C-alpha cells in the first residue's frame, strides 16, 4: 500500500496510521471509518464539541469523560472509543479533525481509491457529484471518493483537492487573478 510520506510524517498522520493498523488487524477499517465520519460531522455541526476539543484548559480526565460521552451518544465502536481516549490522555483532541482526514486518505489509498475534497459555493446535487466523480476517475485512473463542502465565499465554481493537487476554478480566484492583472 502506497501512502504519502507527508501524511505519515505528521503527528496527525502517525495517529491515523496507528489507528488504521489496529483497525486493519481487527478487520474493522470500515467501521472505524464510519465512526470517524460520524465524529467529523458532529464536530462540524456542534460549536460546543468543536470548542471542547480545542480548549487547552480542559484537563485530561474531563476531556476523556466528555469525549467518551460523545462517543456513547454517537454509538462509536470500542476501538474508536479507545482511540479517542488515547487522544484525550495525550492532549491531542485538537488534532482530531486532521486525524480523521488522514485516516480517510490512508483507508482510501489502501482500497486503491483517491480522495478528493470538493468545495463549492452552493451544495452540489447527487447527479453533479456523480458526474464530477466520473471526470475525476477518468483523470486519476482510479475511483475517487468525494467529500463535498460548501463555502459561499467562492461565489461560484469549484475548488477540488486530490492529495497535494488543487484545481481551483472558483469565481473568487478568477476575480482575484483579474484584479492582479489589472494592477499591472
C-alpha atoms as a PDB file:
ATOM      1  CA  UNK A   1       0.000   0.000   0.000  1.00  0.00           C
ATOM      2  CA  UNK A   2       1.444   3.360  -1.069  1.00  0.00           C
ATOM      3  CA  UNK A   3       0.836   6.134   1.453  1.00  0.00           C
ATOM      4  CA  UNK A   4       2.253   9.590   1.039  1.00  0.00           C
ATOM      5  CA  UNK A   5       5.220  10.170   3.346  1.00  0.00           C
ATOM      6  CA  UNK A   6       3.793  13.605   4.126  1.00  0.00           C
ATOM      7  CA  UNK A   7       0.747  12.055   5.761  1.00  0.00           C
ATOM      8  CA  UNK A   8       2.591   9.615   7.990  1.00  0.00           C
ATOM      9  CA  UNK A   9       5.314  12.134   8.838  1.00  0.00           C
ATOM     10  CA  UNK A  10       2.854  14.473  10.544  1.00  0.00           C
ATOM     11  CA  UNK A  11       1.658  13.943  14.106  1.00  0.00           C
ATOM     12  CA  UNK A  12      -1.916  13.502  12.910  1.00  0.00           C
ATOM     13  CA  UNK A  13      -0.748  11.076  10.249  1.00  0.00           C
ATOM     14  CA  UNK A  14       1.089   8.936  12.787  1.00  0.00           C
ATOM     15  CA  UNK A  15      -2.038   8.707  14.935  1.00  0.00           C
ATOM     16  CA  UNK A  16      -4.185   7.940  11.877  1.00  0.00           C
ATOM     17  CA  UNK A  17      -1.695   5.351  10.650  1.00  0.00           C
ATOM     18  CA  UNK A  18      -1.592   3.640  14.043  1.00  0.00           C
ATOM     19  CA  UNK A  19      -5.400   3.584  14.172  1.00  0.00           C
ATOM     20  CA  UNK A  20      -5.532   2.203  10.628  1.00  0.00           C
ATOM     21  CA  UNK A  21      -3.078  -0.566  11.542  1.00  0.00           C
ATOM     22  CA  UNK A  22      -5.163  -1.546  14.583  1.00  0.00           C
ATOM     23  CA  UNK A  23      -8.409  -1.409  12.622  1.00  0.00           C
ATOM     24  CA  UNK A  24      -6.854  -3.470   9.844  1.00  0.00           C
ATOM     25  CA  UNK A  25      -5.672  -6.139  12.313  1.00  0.00           C
ATOM     26  CA  UNK A  26      -9.179  -6.328  13.782  1.00  0.00           C
ATOM     27  CA  UNK A  27     -10.793  -6.196  10.312  1.00  0.00           C
ATOM     28  CA  UNK A  28     -12.712  -3.088  11.388  1.00  0.00           C
ATOM     29  CA  UNK A  29     -11.459  -0.464   8.929  1.00  0.00           C
ATOM     30  CA  UNK A  30     -14.927   0.190   7.508  1.00  0.00           C
ATOM     31  CA  UNK A  31     -16.484   0.504  10.969  1.00  0.00           C
ATOM     32  CA  UNK A  32     -13.762   2.882  12.186  1.00  0.00           C
ATOM     33  CA  UNK A  33     -14.001   4.949   9.008  1.00  0.00           C
ATOM     34  CA  UNK A  34     -17.758   5.212   9.513  1.00  0.00           C
ATOM     35  CA  UNK A  35     -17.224   6.173  13.177  1.00  0.00           C
ATOM     36  CA  UNK A  36     -14.758   8.880  12.216  1.00  0.00           C
ATOM     37  CA  UNK A  37     -17.133  10.231   9.556  1.00  0.00           C
ATOM     38  CA  UNK A  38     -19.883  10.499  12.193  1.00  0.00           C
ATOM     39  CA  UNK A  39     -17.481  12.169  14.583  1.00  0.00           C
ATOM     40  CA  UNK A  40     -16.275  14.608  11.926  1.00  0.00           C
ATOM     41  CA  UNK A  41     -19.860  15.589  11.115  1.00  0.00           C
ATOM     42  CA  UNK A  42     -20.585  16.026  14.820  1.00  0.00           C
ATOM     43  CA  UNK A  43     -17.572  18.332  15.204  1.00  0.00           C
ATOM     44  CA  UNK A  44     -18.679  20.407  12.201  1.00  0.00           C
ATOM     45  CA  UNK A  45     -22.268  20.524  13.437  1.00  0.00           C
ATOM     46  CA  UNK A  46     -21.612  21.372  17.079  1.00  0.00           C
ATOM     47  CA  UNK A  47     -19.820  24.520  18.164  1.00  0.00           C
ATOM     48  CA  UNK A  48     -19.673  23.104  21.708  1.00  0.00           C
ATOM     49  CA  UNK A  49     -17.924  19.908  20.619  1.00  0.00           C
ATOM     50  CA  UNK A  50     -15.550  21.880  18.421  1.00  0.00           C
ATOM     51  CA  UNK A  51     -14.727  24.172  21.359  1.00  0.00           C
ATOM     52  CA  UNK A  52     -14.280  21.173  23.677  1.00  0.00           C
ATOM     53  CA  UNK A  53     -11.623  19.502  21.558  1.00  0.00           C
ATOM     54  CA  UNK A  54      -9.728  22.772  21.094  1.00  0.00           C
ATOM     55  CA  UNK A  55      -9.851  24.073  24.683  1.00  0.00           C
ATOM     56  CA  UNK A  56      -6.433  23.623  26.360  1.00  0.00           C
ATOM     57  CA  UNK A  57      -7.877  24.491  29.774  1.00  0.00           C
ATOM     58  CA  UNK A  58      -9.917  21.300  29.963  1.00  0.00           C
ATOM     59  CA  UNK A  59      -7.956  18.650  31.867  1.00  0.00           C
ATOM     60  CA  UNK A  60      -7.152  15.197  30.523  1.00  0.00           C
ATOM     61  CA  UNK A  61      -9.714  13.417  32.697  1.00  0.00           C
ATOM     62  CA  UNK A  62     -12.514  15.875  31.959  1.00  0.00           C
ATOM     63  CA  UNK A  63     -11.766  15.764  28.219  1.00  0.00           C
ATOM     64  CA  UNK A  64     -11.654  11.955  28.285  1.00  0.00           C
ATOM     65  CA  UNK A  65     -15.029  11.772  30.075  1.00  0.00           C
ATOM     66  CA  UNK A  66     -16.612  14.297  27.730  1.00  0.00           C
ATOM     67  CA  UNK A  67     -15.335  12.651  24.559  1.00  0.00           C
ATOM     68  CA  UNK A  68     -16.364   9.222  25.895  1.00  0.00           C
ATOM     69  CA  UNK A  69     -19.866  10.600  26.425  1.00  0.00           C
ATOM     70  CA  UNK A  70     -19.920  11.926  22.855  1.00  0.00           C
ATOM     71  CA  UNK A  71     -18.699   8.546  21.586  1.00  0.00           C
ATOM     72  CA  UNK A  72     -21.506   6.830  23.501  1.00  0.00           C
ATOM     73  CA  UNK A  73     -24.159   9.148  22.062  1.00  0.00           C
ATOM     74  CA  UNK A  74     -22.828   8.608  18.522  1.00  0.00           C
ATOM     75  CA  UNK A  75     -22.659   4.827  19.042  1.00  0.00           C
ATOM     76  CA  UNK A  76     -18.979   4.529  18.138  1.00  0.00           C
ATOM     77  CA  UNK A  77     -17.154   1.182  18.223  1.00  0.00           C
ATOM     78  CA  UNK A  78     -14.928   0.173  21.137  1.00  0.00           C
ATOM     79  CA  UNK A  79     -11.774   0.614  19.051  1.00  0.00           C
ATOM     80  CA  UNK A  80     -12.719   4.173  18.127  1.00  0.00           C
ATOM     81  CA  UNK A  81     -13.664   4.966  21.750  1.00  0.00           C
ATOM     82  CA  UNK A  82     -10.316   3.658  22.969  1.00  0.00           C
ATOM     83  CA  UNK A  83      -8.505   5.688  20.333  1.00  0.00           C
ATOM     84  CA  UNK A  84     -10.340   8.844  21.411  1.00  0.00           C
ATOM     85  CA  UNK A  85      -9.329   8.058  24.996  1.00  0.00           C
ATOM     86  CA  UNK A  86      -5.677   7.906  23.904  1.00  0.00           C
ATOM     87  CA  UNK A  87      -6.013  11.254  22.126  1.00  0.00           C
ATOM     88  CA  UNK A  88      -7.585  12.788  25.241  1.00  0.00           C
ATOM     89  CA  UNK A  89      -4.909  11.309  27.534  1.00  0.00           C
ATOM     90  CA  UNK A  90      -2.168  12.685  25.282  1.00  0.00           C
ATOM     91  CA  UNK A  91      -3.926  16.087  24.999  1.00  0.00           C
ATOM     92  CA  UNK A  92      -4.246  15.684  21.227  1.00  0.00           C
ATOM     93  CA  UNK A  93      -8.002  16.112  20.760  1.00  0.00           C
ATOM     94  CA  UNK A  94      -7.372  19.365  18.870  1.00  0.00           C
ATOM     95  CA  UNK A  95      -5.729  17.258  16.142  1.00  0.00           C
ATOM     96  CA  UNK A  96      -8.861  15.110  15.746  1.00  0.00           C
ATOM     97  CA  UNK A  97     -10.219  16.745  12.533  1.00  0.00           C
ATOM     98  CA  UNK A  98      -6.808  16.290  10.869  1.00  0.00           C
ATOM     99  CA  UNK A  99      -6.563  12.705  12.145  1.00  0.00           C
ATOM    100  CA  UNK A 100      -9.992  11.992  10.640  1.00  0.00           C
ATOM    101  CA  UNK A 101      -8.880  13.392   7.256  1.00  0.00           C
ATOM    102  CA  UNK A 102      -5.587  11.475   7.365  1.00  0.00           C
ATOM    103  CA  UNK A 103      -7.360   8.206   8.266  1.00  0.00           C
ATOM    104  CA  UNK A 104      -9.734   8.671   5.317  1.00  0.00           C
ATOM    105  CA  UNK A 105      -6.794   9.242   2.982  1.00  0.00           C
ATOM    106  CA  UNK A 106      -4.929   6.182   4.275  1.00  0.00           C
ATOM    107  CA  UNK A 107      -8.031   3.975   4.030  1.00  0.00           C
ATOM    108  CA  UNK A 108      -8.780   5.220   0.504  1.00  0.00           C
ATOM    109  CA  UNK A 109      -5.193   4.552  -0.592  1.00  0.00           C
ATOM    110  CA  UNK A 110      -5.432   1.018   0.810  1.00  0.00           C
ATOM    111  CA  UNK A 111      -8.569   0.427  -1.270  1.00  0.00           C
ATOM    112  CA  UNK A 112      -6.898   1.836  -4.377  1.00  0.00           C
ATOM    113  CA  UNK A 113      -9.009   4.972  -4.285  1.00  0.00           C
ATOM    114  CA  UNK A 114      -8.086   8.606  -4.265  1.00  0.00           C
ATOM    115  CA  UNK A 115      -9.929  11.008  -2.016  1.00  0.00           C
ATOM    116  CA  UNK A 116     -10.992  14.396  -3.245  1.00  0.00           C
ATOM    117  CA  UNK A 117     -12.224  17.329  -1.229  1.00  0.00           C
ATOM    118  CA  UNK A 118     -14.603  19.402  -3.344  1.00  0.00           C
ATOM    119  CA  UNK A 119     -15.583  22.866  -2.163  1.00  0.00           C
ATOM    120  CA  UNK A 120     -18.380  24.706  -3.938  1.00  0.00           C
ATOM    121  CA  UNK A 121     -20.302  27.932  -3.370  1.00  0.00           C
ATOM    122  CA  UNK A 122     -23.608  26.028  -3.252  1.00  0.00           C
ATOM    123  CA  UNK A 123     -24.424  22.409  -2.320  1.00  0.00           C
ATOM    124  CA  UNK A 124     -23.944  20.015  -5.235  1.00  0.00           C
ATOM    125  CA  UNK A 125     -26.718  17.614  -6.204  1.00  0.00           C
ATOM    126  CA  UNK A 126     -26.176  13.864  -6.223  1.00  0.00           C
ATOM    127  CA  UNK A 127     -26.132  13.921 -10.039  1.00  0.00           C
ATOM    128  CA  UNK A 128     -23.478  16.662 -10.083  1.00  0.00           C
ATOM    129  CA  UNK A 129     -21.341  14.759  -7.572  1.00  0.00           C
ATOM    130  CA  UNK A 130     -21.679  11.592  -9.647  1.00  0.00           C
ATOM    131  CA  UNK A 131     -20.707  13.424 -12.841  1.00  0.00           C
ATOM    132  CA  UNK A 132     -17.726  15.048 -11.098  1.00  0.00           C
ATOM    133  CA  UNK A 133     -16.716  11.647  -9.727  1.00  0.00           C
ATOM    134  CA  UNK A 134     -16.706  10.189 -13.243  1.00  0.00           C
ATOM    135  CA  UNK A 135     -14.486  13.007 -14.547  1.00  0.00           C
ATOM    136  CA  UNK A 136     -12.083  12.716 -11.623  1.00  0.00           C
ATOM    137  CA  UNK A 137     -11.947   8.929 -12.076  1.00  0.00           C
ATOM    138  CA  UNK A 138     -11.011   9.407 -15.732  1.00  0.00           C
ATOM    139  CA  UNK A 139      -8.315  11.906 -14.752  1.00  0.00           C
ATOM    140  CA  UNK A 140      -6.864   9.896 -11.848  1.00  0.00           C
ATOM    141  CA  UNK A 141      -7.276   6.445 -13.353  1.00  0.00           C
ATOM    142  CA  UNK A 142      -8.880   5.100 -10.164  1.00  0.00           C
ATOM    143  CA  UNK A 143     -12.018   5.510  -8.110  1.00  0.00           C
ATOM    144  CA  UNK A 144     -12.293   8.829  -6.310  1.00  0.00           C
ATOM    145  CA  UNK A 145     -14.134   9.256  -3.015  1.00  0.00           C
ATOM    146  CA  UNK A 146     -15.547  12.773  -2.883  1.00  0.00           C
ATOM    147  CA  UNK A 147     -16.055  14.790   0.275  1.00  0.00           C
ATOM    148  CA  UNK A 148     -18.184  17.834  -0.512  1.00  0.00           C
ATOM    149  CA  UNK A 149     -18.027  21.115   1.399  1.00  0.00           C
ATOM    150  CA  UNK A 150     -19.767  24.440   0.887  1.00  0.00           C
ATOM    151  CA  UNK A 151     -18.024  27.833   1.060  1.00  0.00           C
ATOM    152  CA  UNK A 152     -20.270  30.715  -0.075  1.00  0.00           C
ATOM    153  CA  UNK A 153     -17.225  32.997  -0.355  1.00  0.00           C
ATOM    154  CA  UNK A 154     -16.225  31.166  -3.566  1.00  0.00           C
ATOM    155  CA  UNK A 155     -19.147  32.932  -5.305  1.00  0.00           C
ATOM    156  CA  UNK A 156     -19.312  30.121  -7.890  1.00  0.00           C
ATOM    157  CA  UNK A 157     -17.255  27.327  -9.428  1.00  0.00           C
ATOM    158  CA  UNK A 158     -15.327  24.619  -7.599  1.00  0.00           C
ATOM    159  CA  UNK A 159     -12.104  24.004  -5.743  1.00  0.00           C
ATOM    160  CA  UNK A 160     -11.027  20.344  -5.962  1.00  0.00           C
ATOM    161  CA  UNK A 161      -8.176  18.946  -3.861  1.00  0.00           C
ATOM    162  CA  UNK A 162      -6.814  15.477  -4.598  1.00  0.00           C
ATOM    163  CA  UNK A 163      -3.804  14.805  -2.410  1.00  0.00           C
ATOM    164  CA  UNK A 164      -1.422  17.710  -2.927  1.00  0.00           C
ATOM    165  CA  UNK A 165      -3.030  18.764  -6.233  1.00  0.00           C
ATOM    166  CA  UNK A 166      -5.544  21.589  -6.238  1.00  0.00           C
ATOM    167  CA  UNK A 167      -7.788  22.536  -9.142  1.00  0.00           C
ATOM    168  CA  UNK A 168      -9.287  25.964  -8.485  1.00  0.00           C
ATOM    169  CA  UNK A 169     -11.981  27.128 -10.890  1.00  0.00           C
ATOM    170  CA  UNK A 170     -13.779  29.357  -8.409  1.00  0.00           C
ATOM    171  CA  UNK A 171     -15.062  32.762  -9.408  1.00  0.00           C
ATOM    172  CA  UNK A 172     -13.314  34.278  -6.370  1.00  0.00           C
ATOM    173  CA  UNK A 173      -9.917  33.125  -7.681  1.00  0.00           C
ATOM    174  CA  UNK A 174     -10.714  34.308 -11.207  1.00  0.00           C
ATOM    175  CA  UNK A 175     -11.690  37.751  -9.892  1.00  0.00           C
ATOM    176  CA  UNK A 176      -8.527  37.943  -7.772  1.00  0.00           C
ATOM    177  CA  UNK A 177      -6.405  36.964 -10.785  1.00  0.00           C
ATOM    178  CA  UNK A 178      -8.125  39.598 -12.915  1.00  0.00           C
ATOM    179  CA  UNK A 179      -7.601  42.259 -10.229  1.00  0.00           C
ATOM    180  CA  UNK A 180      -3.877  41.387 -10.050  1.00  0.00           C
ATOM    181  CA  UNK A 181      -3.565  41.533 -13.846  1.00  0.00           C
ATOM    182  CA  UNK A 182      -5.230  44.941 -13.919  1.00  0.00           C
ATOM    183  CA  UNK A 183      -2.781  46.304 -11.307  1.00  0.00           C
ATOM    184  CA  UNK A 184      -0.020  45.601 -13.768  1.00  0.00           C
END
